[in-house]
Amino acid sequence: MDTTPDNLARICARLVALRAEQRTLEAAIAGLAANPEDELERKRLQHRRLQLLACIALLENLLIPDEPG
């Protein structure tokens, strides 16, 4: 992994953006939970949220420093 400060800053900025999108999606999903007519939209949003969580986990793992061998 490239551990330059510029690269780490980009990863952190991307994490902030993804977490904000995740919070927005969670609010939208909660709003749709009461309306059974929007089941397809709710499932689509949940799928996107799971994709975001996977991407967030991947980026967080990139920020963990390698152990010296």
Protein backbone atom coordinates (compact mmCIF):
# COMPACT_ATOMS: atom_id res chain seq x y z
CA MET A 1 0.00 0.00 0.00
CA ASP A 2 1.14 3.49 -0.78
CA THR A 3 1.37 5.20 2.62
CA THR A 4 2.09 8.68 1.40
CA PRO A 5 0.23 11.38 3.32
CA ASP A 6 -1.58 12.39 0.14
CA ASN A 7 -2.89 8.86 -0.42
CA LEU A 8 -3.92 8.47 3.22
CA ALA A 9 -5.75 11.79 3.05
CA ARG A 10 -7.64 10.64 -0.06
CA ILE A 11 -8.64 7.40 1.65
CA CYS A 12 -9.85 9.29 4.74
CA ALA A 13 -11.81 11.74 2.60
CA ARG A 14 -13.43 8.86 0.72
CA LEU A 15 -14.33 7.19 4.02
CA VAL A 16 -16.01 10.36 5.25
CA ALA A 17 -18.05 10.59 2.05
CA LEU A 18 -19.07 6.93 2.16
CA ARG A 19 -20.08 7.12 5.82
CA ALA A 20 -22.22 10.19 5.09
CA GLU A 21 -23.92 8.36 2.22
CA GLN A 22 -24.47 5.37 4.49
CA ARG A 23 -26.18 7.54 7.12
CA THR A 24 -28.38 9.07 4.42
CA LEU A 25 -29.35 5.63 3.16
CA GLU A 26 -30.13 4.39 6.67
CA ALA A 27 -32.48 7.33 7.19
CA ALA A 28 -34.17 6.69 3.85
CA ILE A 29 -34.54 2.98 4.61
CA ALA A 30 -36.07 3.76 8.00
CA GLY A 31 -38.52 6.13 6.32
CA LEU A 32 -39.56 3.48 3.80
CA ALA A 33 -39.95 0.72 6.40
CA ALA A 34 -43.49 1.82 7.28
CA ASN A 35 -44.71 1.77 3.67
CA PRO A 36 -45.08 -1.74 2.19
CA GLU A 37 -45.66 -0.27 -1.30
CA ASP A 38 -42.01 0.80 -1.43
CA GLU A 39 -40.59 -2.65 -0.67
CA LEU A 40 -38.58 -2.81 -3.91
CA GLU A 41 -37.06 0.63 -3.31
CA ARG A 42 -36.22 -0.31 0.29
CA LYS A 43 -34.48 -3.49 -0.86
CA ARG A 44 -32.54 -1.53 -3.49
CA LEU A 45 -31.39 0.96 -0.85
CA GLN A 46 -30.44 -1.84 1.53
CA HIS A 47 -28.35 -3.46 -1.19
CA ARG A 48 -26.55 -0.17 -1.85
CA ARG A 49 -25.98 0.23 1.90
CA LEU A 50 -24.37 -3.21 2.08
CA GLN A 51 -22.12 -2.29 -0.84
CA LEU A 52 -21.10 0.86 1.01
CA LEU A 53 -20.35 -1.11 4.17
CA ALA A 54 -18.09 -3.48 2.20
CA CYS A 55 -16.26 -0.55 0.59
CA ILE A 56 -15.87 1.17 3.97
CA ALA A 57 -14.42 -2.00 5.48
CA LEU A 58 -11.96 -2.34 2.60
CA LEU A 59 -10.76 1.25 2.94
CA GLU A 60 -10.48 0.96 6.73
CA ASN A 61 -8.28 -2.10 6.25
CA LEU A 62 -6.03 -0.07 3.97
CA LEU A 63 -5.45 2.37 6.80
CA ILE A 64 -4.18 -0.35 9.14
CA PRO A 65 -0.37 -0.30 8.97
CA ASP A 66 1.44 -3.45 7.91
CA GLU A 67 3.18 -5.35 10.66
CA PRO A 68 6.94 -5.47 10.29
CA GLY A 69 8.03 -8.89 9.13
